[in-house]
PDB file of N, CA and C in Angstrom:
ATOM      1  N   MET A   1     380.306  24.122  31.598  1.00  0.00           N
ATOM      2  CA  MET A   1     379.532  23.231  30.946  1.00  0.00           C
ATOM      3  C   MET A   1     380.054  22.633  30.115  1.00  0.00           C
ATOM      4  N   GLU A   2     379.223  20.728  30.506  1.00  0.00           N
ATOM      5  CA  GLU A   2     379.570  19.069  29.723  1.00  0.00           C
ATOM      6  C   GLU A   2     379.621  19.370  28.323  1.00  0.00           C
ATOM      7  N   GLY A   3     378.134  19.765  27.595  1.00  0.00           N
ATOM      8  CA  GLY A   3     378.323  19.547  25.655  1.00  0.00           C
ATOM      9  C   GLY A   3     377.947  17.801  26.088  1.00  0.00           C
ATOM     10  N   MET A   4     377.956  17.872  24.555  1.00  0.00           N
ATOM     11  CA  MET A   4     377.682  16.501  23.958  1.00  0.00           C
ATOM     12  C   MET A   4     378.563  16.389  23.279  1.00  0.00           C
ATOM     13  N   TRP A   5     378.580  15.648  22.439  1.00  0.00           N
ATOM     14  CA  TRP A   5     379.813  14.717  21.421  1.00  0.00           C
ATOM     15  C   TRP A   5     378.421  14.287  19.897  1.00  0.00           C
ATOM     16  N   ILE A   6     378.440  14.885  18.610  1.00  0.00           N
ATOM     17  CA  ILE A   6     377.842  14.614  17.999  1.00  0.00           C
ATOM     18  C   ILE A   6     378.399  13.470  16.153  1.00  0.00           C
ATOM     19  N   HIS A   7     378.328  11.863  16.184  1.00  0.00           N
ATOM     20  CA  HIS A   7     379.342  11.321  15.364  1.00  0.00           C
ATOM     21  C   HIS A   7     379.180  12.172  13.736  1.00  0.00           C
ATOM     22  N   ARG A   8     377.543  12.025  13.699  1.00  0.00           N
ATOM     23  CA  ARG A   8     377.453  12.746  12.557  1.00  0.00           C
ATOM     24  C   ARG A   8     377.813  11.883  11.298  1.00  0.00           C
ATOM     25  N   ASP A   9     379.047  10.575  11.201  1.00  0.00           N
ATOM     26  CA  ASP A   9     378.455   9.768  10.209  1.00  0.00           C
ATOM     27  C   ASP A   9     377.857   8.944  10.125  1.00  0.00           C
ATOM     28  N   ILE A  10     377.197   8.150  11.345  1.00  0.00           N
ATOM     29  CA  ILE A  10     376.686   6.070  11.488  1.00  0.00           C
ATOM     30  C   ILE A  10     376.297   6.142  10.165  1.00  0.00           C
ATOM     31  N   LYS A  11     376.859   4.715  10.140  1.00  0.00           N
ATOM     32  CA  LYS A  11     376.273   4.411   8.302  1.00  0.00           C
ATOM     33  C   LYS A  11     376.932   2.575   8.072  1.00  0.00           C
ATOM     34  N   PRO A  12     376.920   2.149   7.322  1.00  0.00           N
ATOM     35  CA  PRO A  12     377.643   1.099   7.508  1.00  0.00           C
ATOM     36  C   PRO A  12     379.116   0.701   8.436  1.00  0.00           C
ATOM     37  N   GLU A  13     379.900   0.976   7.228  1.00  0.00           N
ATOM     38  CA  GLU A  13     381.492   1.362   7.120  1.00  0.00           C
ATOM     39  C   GLU A  13     381.596   2.034   8.337  1.00  0.00           C
ATOM     40  N   ASN A  14     381.398   2.575   9.094  1.00  0.00           N
ATOM     41  CA  ASN A  14     381.722   2.379  10.427  1.00  0.00           C
ATOM     42  C   ASN A  14     381.068   2.108  12.136  1.00  0.00           C
ATOM     43  N   LEU A  15     380.225   0.969  11.053  1.00  0.00           N
ATOM     44  CA  LEU A  15     380.202   0.034  12.201  1.00  0.00           C
ATOM     45  C   LEU A  15     380.986  -0.771  12.324  1.00  0.00           C
ATOM     46  N   LEU A  16     382.050  -1.471  13.479  1.00  0.00           N
ATOM     47  CA  LEU A  16     382.377  -2.793  13.718  1.00  0.00           C
ATOM     48  C   LEU A  16     381.897  -4.352  14.988  1.00  0.00           C
ATOM     49  N   VAL A  17     382.100  -4.982  14.528  1.00  0.00           N
ATOM     50  CA  VAL A  17     381.976  -6.369  15.710  1.00  0.00           C
ATOM     51  C   VAL A  17     383.219  -6.525  16.417  1.00  0.00           C
ATOM     52  N   GLY A  18     383.343  -6.252  18.038  1.00  0.00           N
ATOM     53  CA  GLY A  18     383.664  -6.413  19.031  1.00  0.00           C
ATOM     54  C   GLY A  18     383.937  -8.671  18.530  1.00  0.00           C
ATOM     55  N   ALA A  19     384.806  -9.171  19.553  1.00  0.00           N
ATOM     56  CA  ALA A  19     385.272 -10.439  19.541  1.00  0.00           C
ATOM     57  C   ALA A  19     384.263 -11.353  20.316  1.00  0.00           C
ATOM     58  N   GLN A  20     383.565 -10.697  21.681  1.00  0.00           N
ATOM     59  CA  GLN A  20     382.821 -10.793  21.721  1.00  0.00           C
ATOM     60  C   GLN A  20     380.930 -10.662  22.140  1.00  0.00           C
ATOM     61  N   GLY A  21     381.688  -9.523  20.074  1.00  0.00           N
ATOM     62  CA  GLY A  21     379.863  -9.593  19.845  1.00  0.00           C
ATOM     63  C   GLY A  21     379.254  -8.794  19.746  1.00  0.00           C
ATOM     64  N   GLU A  22     380.186  -7.898  20.649  1.00  0.00           N
ATOM     65  CA  GLU A  22     379.572  -5.531  21.014  1.00  0.00           C
ATOM     66  C   GLU A  22     380.254  -4.777  19.959  1.00  0.00           C
ATOM     67  N   LEU A  23     379.166  -3.855  19.905  1.00  0.00           N
ATOM     68  CA  LEU A  23     378.856  -3.309  18.939  1.00  0.00           C
ATOM     69  C   LEU A  23     379.737  -2.115  18.444  1.00  0.00           C
ATOM     70  N   LYS A  24     380.566  -1.160  17.470  1.00  0.00           N
ATOM     71  CA  LYS A  24     381.076  -0.826  18.369  1.00  0.00           C
ATOM     72  C   LYS A  24     380.552  -0.057  17.186  1.00  0.00           C
ATOM     73  N   ILE A  25     380.905   1.591  17.162  1.00  0.00           N
ATOM     74  CA  ILE A  25     381.473   2.888  16.268  1.00  0.00           C
ATOM     75  C   ILE A  25     382.822   3.722  16.031  1.00  0.00           C
ATOM     76  N   ALA A  26     383.081   3.568  15.282  1.00  0.00           N
ATOM     77  CA  ALA A  26     384.564   3.787  14.435  1.00  0.00           C
ATOM     78  C   ALA A  26     384.553   5.087  13.786  1.00  0.00           C
ATOM     79  N   ASP A  27     385.382   5.706  12.938  1.00  0.00           N
ATOM     80  CA  ASP A  27     385.269   6.260  12.366  1.00  0.00           C
ATOM     81  C   ASP A  27     384.411   7.893  12.942  1.00  0.00           C
ATOM     82  N   PHE A  28     385.488   9.003  13.419  1.00  0.00           N
ATOM     83  CA  PHE A  28     385.512   9.842  14.374  1.00  0.00           C
ATOM     84  C   PHE A  28     385.877  11.622  14.066  1.00  0.00           C
ATOM     85  N   GLY A  29     386.461  11.217  12.604  1.00  0.00           N
ATOM     86  CA  GLY A  29     386.901  11.720  11.729  1.00  0.00           C
ATOM     87  C   GLY A  29     385.433  13.453  11.508  1.00  0.00           C
ATOM     88  N   TRP A  30     384.127  12.666  11.388  1.00  0.00           N
ATOM     89  CA  TRP A  30     382.992  14.409  10.929  1.00  0.00           C
ATOM     90  C   TRP A  30     382.656  14.989  12.607  1.00  0.00           C
ATOM     91  N   SER A  31     382.430  13.845  13.377  1.00  0.00           N
ATOM     92  CA  SER A  31     382.438  14.010  15.133  1.00  0.00           C
ATOM     93  C   SER A  31     382.284  16.015  15.220  1.00  0.00           C
ATOM     94  N   VAL A  32     381.746  16.478  16.186  1.00  0.00           N
ATOM     95  CA  VAL A  32     382.260  17.149  16.839  1.00  0.00           C
ATOM     96  C   VAL A  32     381.813  17.585  18.874  1.00  0.00           C
ATOM     97  N   HIS A  33     382.236  17.597  19.183  1.00  0.00           N
ATOM     98  CA  HIS A  33     381.922  17.862  20.447  1.00  0.00           C
ATOM     99  C   HIS A  33     381.356  19.566  20.665  1.00  0.00           C
ATOM    100  N   SER A  34     379.887  20.048  20.938  1.00  0.00           N
ATOM    101  CA  SER A  34     379.549  20.573  21.134  1.00  0.00           C
ATOM    102  C   SER A  34     378.560  21.220  22.573  1.00  0.00           C
ATOM    103  N   PHE A  35     379.090  22.439  22.680  1.00  0.00           N
ATOM    104  CA  PHE A  35     379.040  23.270  24.351  1.00  0.00           C
ATOM    105  C   PHE A  35     377.601  24.010  23.925  1.00  0.00           C
ATOM    106  N   ASN A  36     377.183  23.689  23.091  1.00  0.00           N
ATOM    107  CA  ASN A  36     375.870  24.889  22.848  1.00  0.00           C
ATOM    108  C   ASN A  36     374.489  23.256  22.540  1.00  0.00           C
ATOM    109  N   ARG A  37     373.823  23.262  21.875  1.00  0.00           N
ATOM    110  CA  ARG A  37     372.387  22.966  21.195  1.00  0.00           C
ATOM    111  C   ARG A  37     372.762  21.700  19.078  1.00  0.00           C
ATOM    112  N   ARG A  38     373.278  23.619  19.481  1.00  0.00           N
ATOM    113  CA  ARG A  38     372.892  23.113  17.327  1.00  0.00           C
ATOM    114  C   ARG A  38     374.260  23.349  17.047  1.00  0.00           C
ATOM    115  N   ARG A  39     374.837  22.491  15.387  1.00  0.00           N
ATOM    116  CA  ARG A  39     375.553  22.978  15.217  1.00  0.00           C
ATOM    117  C   ARG A  39     375.624  23.640  13.937  1.00  0.00           C
ATOM    118  N   THR A  40     375.737  23.801  12.738  1.00  0.00           N
ATOM    119  CA  THR A  40     375.733  24.591  11.716  1.00  0.00           C
ATOM    120  C   THR A  40     377.405  24.000  10.609  1.00  0.00           C
ATOM    121  N   PRO A  41     376.686  24.121   9.502  1.00  0.00           N
ATOM    122  CA  PRO A  41     375.344  23.658   8.589  1.00  0.00           C
ATOM    123  C   PRO A  41     375.596  22.215   8.460  1.00  0.00           C
ATOM    124  N   GLU A  42     374.221  21.592   8.504  1.00  0.00           N
ATOM    125  CA  GLU A  42     374.098  20.539   8.822  1.00  0.00           C
ATOM    126  C   GLU A  42     374.675  20.254   7.050  1.00  0.00           C
ATOM    127  N   MET A  43     374.812  18.657   6.898  1.00  0.00           N
ATOM    128  CA  MET A  43     375.511  18.559   5.030  1.00  0.00           C
ATOM    129  C   MET A  43     375.120  18.440   4.046  1.00  0.00           C
ATOM    130  N   VAL A  44     372.875  18.695   3.832  1.00  0.00           N
ATOM    131  CA  VAL A  44     372.782  18.270   3.063  1.00  0.00           C
ATOM    132  C   VAL A  44     372.267  19.420   2.811  1.00  0.00           C
ATOM    133  N   GLU A  45     370.934  19.208   3.782  1.00  0.00           N
ATOM    134  CA  GLU A  45     370.472  20.993   4.255  1.00  0.00           C
ATOM    135  C   GLU A  45     371.055  22.210   4.065  1.00  0.00           C
ATOM    136  N   SER A  46     372.458  22.643   4.491  1.00  0.00           N
ATOM    137  CA  SER A  46     372.514  23.246   5.199  1.00  0.00           C
ATOM    138  C   SER A  46     372.374  24.385   6.138  1.00  0.00           C
ATOM    139  N   VAL A  47     371.150  23.083   7.257  1.00  0.00           N
ATOM    140  CA  VAL A  47     370.210  24.050   8.362  1.00  0.00           C
ATOM    141  C   VAL A  47     371.026  23.196  10.114  1.00  0.00           C
ATOM    142  N   LYS A  48     370.650  24.353  10.441  1.00  0.00           N
ATOM    143  CA  LYS A  48     370.881  23.357  12.009  1.00  0.00           C
ATOM    144  C   LYS A  48     370.788  23.153  12.599  1.00  0.00           C
ATOM    145  N   HIS A  49     372.097  21.541  13.414  1.00  0.00           N
ATOM    146  CA  HIS A  49     370.775  20.209  13.817  1.00  0.00           C
ATOM    147  C   HIS A  49     372.356  20.512  14.765  1.00  0.00           C
ATOM    148  N   ASP A  50     371.982  18.516  15.578  1.00  0.00           N
ATOM    149  CA  ASP A  50     372.175  18.613  16.815  1.00  0.00           C
ATOM    150  C   ASP A  50     372.393  17.023  17.356  1.00  0.00           C
ATOM    151  N   ALA A  51     372.576  16.931  18.144  1.00  0.00           N
ATOM    152  CA  ALA A  51     372.576  15.784  17.919  1.00  0.00           C
ATOM    153  C   ALA A  51     371.860  14.303  17.603  1.00  0.00           C
ATOM    154  N   ASP A  52     369.872  14.423  17.767  1.00  0.00           N
ATOM    155  CA  ASP A  52     369.217  14.295  16.616  1.00  0.00           C
ATOM    156  C   ASP A  52     369.320  13.701  15.403  1.00  0.00           C
ATOM    157  N   VAL A  53     370.811  14.320  14.456  1.00  0.00           N
ATOM    158  CA  VAL A  53     370.600  13.749  13.553  1.00  0.00           C
ATOM    159  C   VAL A  53     371.532  12.815  13.702  1.00  0.00           C
ATOM    160  N   ASP A  54     372.236  11.635  14.615  1.00  0.00           N
ATOM    161  CA  ASP A  54     372.560  10.296  14.919  1.00  0.00           C
ATOM    162  C   ASP A  54     371.887   9.450  15.000  1.00  0.00           C
ATOM    163  N   ILE A  55     370.219  10.143  15.889  1.00  0.00           N
ATOM    164  CA  ILE A  55     369.275   9.965  15.381  1.00  0.00           C
ATOM    165  C   ILE A  55     368.830   9.011  14.593  1.00  0.00           C
ATOM    166  N   TRP A  56     368.068  10.543  13.206  1.00  0.00           N
ATOM    167  CA  TRP A  56     367.426  10.412  11.916  1.00  0.00           C
ATOM    168  C   TRP A  56     368.903   8.544  11.185  1.00  0.00           C
ATOM    169  N   SER A  57     370.656   9.181  11.751  1.00  0.00           N
ATOM    170  CA  SER A  57     371.118   7.946  10.741  1.00  0.00           C
ATOM    171  C   SER A  57     370.937   7.385  11.022  1.00  0.00           C
ATOM    172  N   LEU A  58     371.008   6.542  12.535  1.00  0.00           N
ATOM    173  CA  LEU A  58     370.142   5.324  12.888  1.00  0.00           C
ATOM    174  C   LEU A  58     368.617   4.716  12.172  1.00  0.00           C
ATOM    175  N   GLY A  59     368.175   5.049  12.174  1.00  0.00           N
ATOM    176  CA  GLY A  59     367.189   4.767  11.556  1.00  0.00           C
ATOM    177  C   GLY A  59     367.315   4.726  10.179  1.00  0.00           C
ATOM    178  N   VAL A  60     367.859   5.588   9.385  1.00  0.00           N
ATOM    179  CA  VAL A  60     368.595   4.853   7.910  1.00  0.00           C
ATOM    180  C   VAL A  60     369.011   4.107   7.618  1.00  0.00           C
ATOM    181  N   LEU A  61     370.351   3.763   8.941  1.00  0.00           N
ATOM    182  CA  LEU A  61     371.209   2.203   9.168  1.00  0.00           C
ATOM    183  C   LEU A  61     369.476   1.280   9.106  1.00  0.00           C
ATOM    184  N   CYS A  62     369.560   1.163   9.980  1.00  0.00           N
ATOM    185  CA  CYS A  62     368.619   0.360  10.334  1.00  0.00           C
ATOM    186  C   CYS A  62     366.696   0.039   8.987  1.00  0.00           C
ATOM    187  N   TYR A  63     366.404   1.104   8.258  1.00  0.00           N
ATOM    188  CA  TYR A  63     366.172   0.749   7.006  1.00  0.00           C
ATOM    189  C   TYR A  63     366.877  -0.082   5.916  1.00  0.00           C
ATOM    190  N   GLU A  64     368.530  -0.114   5.827  1.00  0.00           N
ATOM    191  CA  GLU A  64     369.792   0.044   5.122  1.00  0.00           C
ATOM    192  C   GLU A  64     369.966  -2.024   5.687  1.00  0.00           C
ATOM    193  N   PHE A  65     369.806  -2.242   6.520  1.00  0.00           N
ATOM    194  CA  PHE A  65     369.799  -3.629   6.971  1.00  0.00           C
ATOM    195  C   PHE A  65     369.366  -3.819   7.547  1.00  0.00           C
ATOM    196  N   LEU A  66     368.057  -3.731   7.030  1.00  0.00           N
ATOM    197  CA  LEU A  66     366.017  -5.095   6.755  1.00  0.00           C
ATOM    198  C   LEU A  66     365.505  -4.645   4.462  1.00  0.00           C
ATOM    199  N   TYR A  67     366.065  -3.007   3.953  1.00  0.00           N
ATOM    200  CA  TYR A  67     366.170  -3.672   2.687  1.00  0.00           C
ATOM    201  C   TYR A  67     367.072  -3.916   1.491  1.00  0.00           C
ATOM    202  N   GLY A  68     367.955  -3.480   1.760  1.00  0.00           N
ATOM    203  CA  GLY A  68     369.604  -3.832   1.847  1.00  0.00           C
ATOM    204  C   GLY A  68     370.259  -2.909   0.404  1.00  0.00           C
ATOM    205  N   VAL A  69     369.115  -2.339   0.902  1.00  0.00           N
ATOM    206  CA  VAL A  69     369.196  -0.332   0.500  1.00  0.00           C
ATOM    207  C   VAL A  69     369.723   0.219   0.767  1.00  0.00           C
ATOM    208  N   PRO A  70     370.148   1.699   0.737  1.00  0.00           N
ATOM    209  CA  PRO A  70     369.783   3.356   1.423  1.00  0.00           C
ATOM    210  C   PRO A  70     367.806   3.626   1.256  1.00  0.00           C
ATOM    211  N   PRO A  71     368.398   4.522   1.870  1.00  0.00           N
ATOM    212  CA  PRO A  71     366.102   4.638   1.741  1.00  0.00           C
ATOM    213  C   PRO A  71     365.898   5.445   0.971  1.00  0.00           C
ATOM    214  N   PHE A  72     367.663   6.895   0.407  1.00  0.00           N
ATOM    215  CA  PHE A  72     366.758   7.506  -0.799  1.00  0.00           C
ATOM    216  C   PHE A  72     367.930   7.460  -1.588  1.00  0.00           C
ATOM    217  N   GLU A  73     368.196   6.318  -2.099  1.00  0.00           N
ATOM    218  CA  GLU A  73     369.464   6.377  -2.787  1.00  0.00           C
ATOM    219  C   GLU A  73     368.479   6.342  -4.699  1.00  0.00           C
ATOM    220  N   ALA A  74     369.510   7.665  -5.687  1.00  0.00           N
ATOM    221  CA  ALA A  74     369.239   6.952  -6.933  1.00  0.00           C
ATOM    222  C   ALA A  74     369.841   7.327  -7.903  1.00  0.00           C
ATOM    223  N   LYS A  75     369.796   7.126  -8.688  1.00  0.00           N
ATOM    224  CA  LYS A  75     370.963   7.683 -10.404  1.00  0.00           C
ATOM    225  C   LYS A  75     371.712   8.369 -10.261  1.00  0.00           C
ATOM    226  N   GLU A  76     370.856   9.720 -10.018  1.00  0.00           N
ATOM    227  CA  GLU A  76     371.836  10.174  -9.581  1.00  0.00           C
ATOM    228  C   GLU A  76     372.068  11.150  -8.879  1.00  0.00           C
ATOM    229  N   HIS A  77     371.710  11.652  -8.239  1.00  0.00           N
ATOM    230  CA  HIS A  77     373.429  13.017  -7.248  1.00  0.00           C
ATOM    231  C   HIS A  77     371.617  13.538  -7.148  1.00  0.00           C
ATOM    232  N   ALA A  78     371.326  14.433  -7.562  1.00  0.00           N
ATOM    233  CA  ALA A  78     370.152  15.071  -7.460  1.00  0.00           C
ATOM    234  C   ALA A  78     369.455  14.483  -7.056  1.00  0.00           C
ATOM    235  N   ASP A  79     368.621  13.979  -7.725  1.00  0.00           N
ATOM    236  CA  ASP A  79     367.562  12.645  -7.085  1.00  0.00           C
ATOM    237  C   ASP A  79     367.977  12.160  -5.906  1.00  0.00           C
ATOM    238  N   THR A  80     368.947  11.664  -5.491  1.00  0.00           N
ATOM    239  CA  THR A  80     368.976  11.082  -3.655  1.00  0.00           C
ATOM    240  C   THR A  80     369.032  12.396  -3.428  1.00  0.00           C
ATOM    241  N   TYR A  81     368.821  14.065  -3.536  1.00  0.00           N
ATOM    242  CA  TYR A  81     369.086  14.660  -2.211  1.00  0.00           C
ATOM    243  C   TYR A  81     367.836  15.308  -2.811  1.00  0.00           C
ATOM    244  N   ARG A  82     366.640  15.179  -3.317  1.00  0.00           N
ATOM    245  CA  ARG A  82     365.898  15.963  -3.572  1.00  0.00           C
ATOM    246  C   ARG A  82     364.197  14.163  -3.037  1.00  0.00           C
ATOM    247  N   ARG A  83     365.256  13.287  -2.999  1.00  0.00           N
ATOM    248  CA  ARG A  83     364.560  11.784  -2.147  1.00  0.00           C
ATOM    249  C   ARG A  83     364.037  12.833  -0.509  1.00  0.00           C
TER     250      ARG A  83
END
């Protein structure tokens, strides 16, 4: 069984640009290697997740690059979670 890697912390601070302009992902502190498709718990909702969490994070990252702010940010921590 081959398994898969899940980074789980894709954000602007963890992206680096190499000397040739290539994009590199850094900080694998939250990453896991999983032999089954699902991992538990997800960090906010405590539900099972898989590598799709990285795809979702890329969407959030694209939003932040386009608009200059994270899509769910609010003044209060609870409001951010609610969004």
